């Protein structure tokens, strides 16, 4: 019994690009202490119930802090 990938499946994999599309951004890893995460979660909650993920909130805070955006609620 041949357990290798069938030729048709290999062709599909090569023809169609899989994975996340490019976003022209560089990933960074940030470690936060529990008190910093709690503060971030409180800030997210204070944004009027907007569906912000932690990464989105951090991106928004960086933009506001760097003067790229006003501190408006979206």
N, C-alpha and C. Protein backbone atom coordinates (compact mmCIF):
# COMPACT_ATOMS: atom_id res chain seq x y z
N UNK A 1 0.85 -1.18 0.00
CA UNK A 1 0.00 0.00 0.00
C UNK A 1 0.89 1.24 0.00
N UNK A 2 0.67 2.13 -0.96
CA UNK A 2 1.47 3.35 -1.08
C UNK A 2 0.82 4.46 -0.25
N UNK A 3 1.53 4.96 0.78
CA UNK A 3 0.98 5.99 1.65
C UNK A 3 1.43 7.39 1.25
N UNK A 4 2.14 7.51 0.15
CA UNK A 4 2.60 8.83 -0.28
C UNK A 4 1.41 9.64 -0.81
N UNK A 5 1.63 10.92 -0.98
CA UNK A 5 0.58 11.81 -1.46
C UNK A 5 0.23 11.47 -2.90
N UNK A 6 -1.05 11.33 -3.21
CA UNK A 6 -1.44 11.07 -4.59
C UNK A 6 -1.00 12.22 -5.49
N UNK A 7 -0.72 11.90 -6.76
CA UNK A 7 -0.25 12.93 -7.69
C UNK A 7 -1.25 14.06 -7.84
N UNK A 8 -2.54 13.75 -7.85
CA UNK A 8 -3.55 14.80 -8.03
C UNK A 8 -3.56 15.77 -6.84
N UNK A 9 -3.36 15.26 -5.64
CA UNK A 9 -3.32 16.14 -4.47
C UNK A 9 -2.08 17.00 -4.49
N UNK A 10 -0.97 16.45 -4.97
CA UNK A 10 0.27 17.23 -5.05
C UNK A 10 0.11 18.37 -6.04
N UNK A 11 -0.59 18.12 -7.14
CA UNK A 11 -0.81 19.18 -8.13
C UNK A 11 -1.67 20.29 -7.56
N UNK A 12 -2.71 19.94 -6.83
CA UNK A 12 -3.59 20.95 -6.24
C UNK A 12 -2.79 21.82 -5.29
N UNK A 13 -1.93 21.21 -4.49
CA UNK A 13 -1.14 21.96 -3.53
C UNK A 13 -0.19 22.93 -4.24
N UNK A 14 0.40 22.51 -5.35
CA UNK A 14 1.33 23.37 -6.07
C UNK A 14 0.62 24.48 -6.84
N UNK A 15 -0.56 24.20 -7.37
CA UNK A 15 -1.26 25.17 -8.20
C UNK A 15 -1.86 26.30 -7.37
N UNK A 16 -2.52 25.98 -6.29
CA UNK A 16 -3.18 26.99 -5.48
C UNK A 16 -2.29 27.42 -4.33
N UNK A 17 -2.13 28.71 -4.15
CA UNK A 17 -1.33 29.19 -3.03
C UNK A 17 -2.15 29.06 -1.76
N UNK A 18 -1.53 28.44 -0.77
CA UNK A 18 -2.23 28.26 0.48
C UNK A 18 -1.56 29.14 1.53
N UNK A 19 -2.26 29.40 2.58
CA UNK A 19 -1.69 30.18 3.66
C UNK A 19 -2.23 31.60 3.65
N UNK A 20 -1.69 32.35 4.54
CA UNK A 20 -2.13 33.71 4.75
C UNK A 20 -1.60 34.63 3.65
N UNK A 21 -2.43 35.54 3.14
CA UNK A 21 -1.95 36.46 2.12
C UNK A 21 -0.95 37.45 2.72
N UNK A 22 -0.06 38.00 1.90
CA UNK A 22 0.91 38.94 2.44
C UNK A 22 0.24 40.21 2.96
N UNK A 23 0.74 40.73 4.06
CA UNK A 23 0.17 41.95 4.65
C UNK A 23 1.20 43.07 4.75
N UNK A 24 2.39 42.82 4.24
CA UNK A 24 3.46 43.82 4.26
C UNK A 24 3.70 44.36 5.67
N UNK A 25 3.80 43.46 6.60
CA UNK A 25 4.06 43.80 7.99
C UNK A 25 5.00 42.75 8.57
N UNK A 26 5.70 43.12 9.61
CA UNK A 26 6.62 42.19 10.27
C UNK A 26 6.03 41.79 11.61
N UNK A 27 6.02 40.50 11.90
CA UNK A 27 5.52 40.05 13.19
C UNK A 27 6.52 40.36 14.30
N UNK A 28 6.01 40.71 15.45
CA UNK A 28 6.86 40.89 16.63
C UNK A 28 6.22 40.13 17.78
N UNK A 29 7.03 39.66 18.66
CA UNK A 29 6.54 38.97 19.86
C UNK A 29 6.76 39.89 21.05
N UNK A 30 5.74 40.05 21.84
CA UNK A 30 5.82 40.91 23.01
C UNK A 30 5.35 40.11 24.22
N UNK A 31 6.14 40.12 25.25
CA UNK A 31 5.73 39.46 26.50
C UNK A 31 5.17 40.54 27.43
N UNK A 32 4.00 40.28 27.96
CA UNK A 32 3.36 41.20 28.90
C UNK A 32 3.16 40.48 30.23
N UNK A 33 3.38 41.23 31.30
CA UNK A 33 3.12 40.69 32.64
C UNK A 33 1.60 40.62 32.85
N UNK A 34 1.15 39.81 33.78
CA UNK A 34 -0.29 39.69 34.03
C UNK A 34 -0.97 41.03 34.31
N UNK A 35 -0.30 41.94 35.04
CA UNK A 35 -0.92 43.23 35.32
C UNK A 35 -1.03 44.08 34.04
N UNK A 36 -0.10 43.92 33.12
CA UNK A 36 -0.17 44.64 31.85
C UNK A 36 -1.30 44.09 30.97
N UNK A 37 -1.46 42.78 30.99
CA UNK A 37 -2.56 42.18 30.23
C UNK A 37 -3.90 42.62 30.80
N UNK A 38 -4.00 42.67 32.13
CA UNK A 38 -5.24 43.12 32.77
C UNK A 38 -5.53 44.57 32.40
N UNK A 39 -4.50 45.41 32.36
CA UNK A 39 -4.70 46.81 31.97
C UNK A 39 -5.13 46.90 30.51
N UNK A 40 -4.54 46.09 29.65
CA UNK A 40 -4.93 46.07 28.24
C UNK A 40 -6.38 45.63 28.09
N UNK A 41 -6.77 44.59 28.80
CA UNK A 41 -8.15 44.11 28.75
C UNK A 41 -9.13 45.17 29.25
N UNK A 42 -8.75 45.90 30.32
CA UNK A 42 -9.61 47.00 30.81
C UNK A 42 -9.74 48.09 29.76
N UNK A 43 -8.65 48.42 29.09
CA UNK A 43 -8.68 49.45 28.05
C UNK A 43 -9.58 49.02 26.90
N UNK A 44 -9.47 47.74 26.50
CA UNK A 44 -10.33 47.22 25.43
C UNK A 44 -11.79 47.34 25.83
N UNK A 45 -12.10 46.95 27.06
CA UNK A 45 -13.48 47.02 27.55
C UNK A 45 -13.99 48.46 27.57
N UNK A 46 -13.13 49.41 27.86
CA UNK A 46 -13.52 50.82 27.94
C UNK A 46 -13.77 51.44 26.56
N UNK A 47 -13.49 50.71 25.50
CA UNK A 47 -13.66 51.25 24.17
C UNK A 47 -15.09 51.12 23.66
N UNK A 48 -16.03 50.96 24.53
CA UNK A 48 -17.43 50.95 24.15
C UNK A 48 -17.91 49.66 23.52
N UNK A 49 -17.28 48.57 23.87
CA UNK A 49 -17.74 47.29 23.37
C UNK A 49 -17.32 46.99 21.94
N UNK A 50 -16.37 47.75 21.40
CA UNK A 50 -15.88 47.43 20.06
C UNK A 50 -15.23 46.05 20.09
N UNK A 51 -15.41 45.29 19.04
CA UNK A 51 -14.81 43.95 19.02
C UNK A 51 -13.30 44.01 18.72
N UNK A 52 -12.53 44.43 19.70
CA UNK A 52 -11.08 44.54 19.53
C UNK A 52 -10.40 43.31 20.13
N UNK A 53 -9.54 42.70 19.35
CA UNK A 53 -8.70 41.64 19.89
C UNK A 53 -7.52 42.30 20.59
N UNK A 54 -6.79 41.55 21.36
CA UNK A 54 -5.59 42.10 22.00
C UNK A 54 -4.60 42.61 20.96
N UNK A 55 -4.30 41.85 19.90
CA UNK A 55 -3.36 42.38 18.90
C UNK A 55 -3.86 43.66 18.23
N UNK A 56 -5.16 43.73 17.93
CA UNK A 56 -5.72 44.95 17.33
C UNK A 56 -5.62 46.12 18.29
N UNK A 57 -5.89 45.87 19.56
CA UNK A 57 -5.80 46.94 20.56
C UNK A 57 -4.36 47.44 20.68
N UNK A 58 -3.40 46.53 20.68
CA UNK A 58 -1.99 46.93 20.77
C UNK A 58 -1.61 47.76 19.56
N UNK A 59 -2.04 47.32 18.35
CA UNK A 59 -1.75 48.11 17.14
C UNK A 59 -2.34 49.50 17.24
N UNK A 60 -3.58 49.61 17.72
CA UNK A 60 -4.22 50.91 17.86
C UNK A 60 -3.49 51.78 18.89
N UNK A 61 -3.12 51.20 20.00
CA UNK A 61 -2.40 51.95 21.02
C UNK A 61 -1.04 52.44 20.50
N UNK A 62 -0.37 51.64 19.71
CA UNK A 62 0.91 52.06 19.12
C UNK A 62 0.69 53.23 18.18
N UNK A 63 -0.35 53.13 17.34
CA UNK A 63 -0.64 54.23 16.40
C UNK A 63 -0.96 55.52 17.15
N UNK A 64 -1.77 55.42 18.19
CA UNK A 64 -2.13 56.61 18.98
C UNK A 64 -0.89 57.16 19.69
N UNK A 65 -0.13 56.28 20.31
CA UNK A 65 1.06 56.70 21.04
C UNK A 65 2.12 57.31 20.14
N UNK A 66 2.19 56.85 18.91
CA UNK A 66 3.19 57.37 17.97
C UNK A 66 2.68 58.60 17.22
N UNK A 67 1.47 59.04 17.55
CA UNK A 67 0.92 60.23 16.91
C UNK A 67 0.42 59.98 15.50
N UNK A 68 0.21 58.74 15.14
CA UNK A 68 -0.26 58.41 13.81
C UNK A 68 -1.77 58.53 13.70
N UNK A 69 -2.44 58.55 14.84
CA UNK A 69 -3.89 58.58 14.87
C UNK A 69 -4.33 59.29 16.13
N UNK A 70 -5.43 59.96 16.04
CA UNK A 70 -5.97 60.59 17.24
C UNK A 70 -6.52 59.52 18.17
N UNK A 71 -6.64 59.85 19.43
CA UNK A 71 -7.12 58.89 20.42
C UNK A 71 -8.62 58.71 20.40
N UNK A 72 -9.21 58.71 19.22
CA UNK A 72 -10.67 58.54 19.10
C UNK A 72 -11.04 57.08 19.28
N UNK A 73 -12.25 56.89 19.74
CA UNK A 73 -12.81 55.55 19.75
C UNK A 73 -13.30 55.28 18.35
N UNK A 74 -13.04 54.09 17.85
CA UNK A 74 -13.50 53.75 16.49
C UNK A 74 -14.87 53.16 16.54
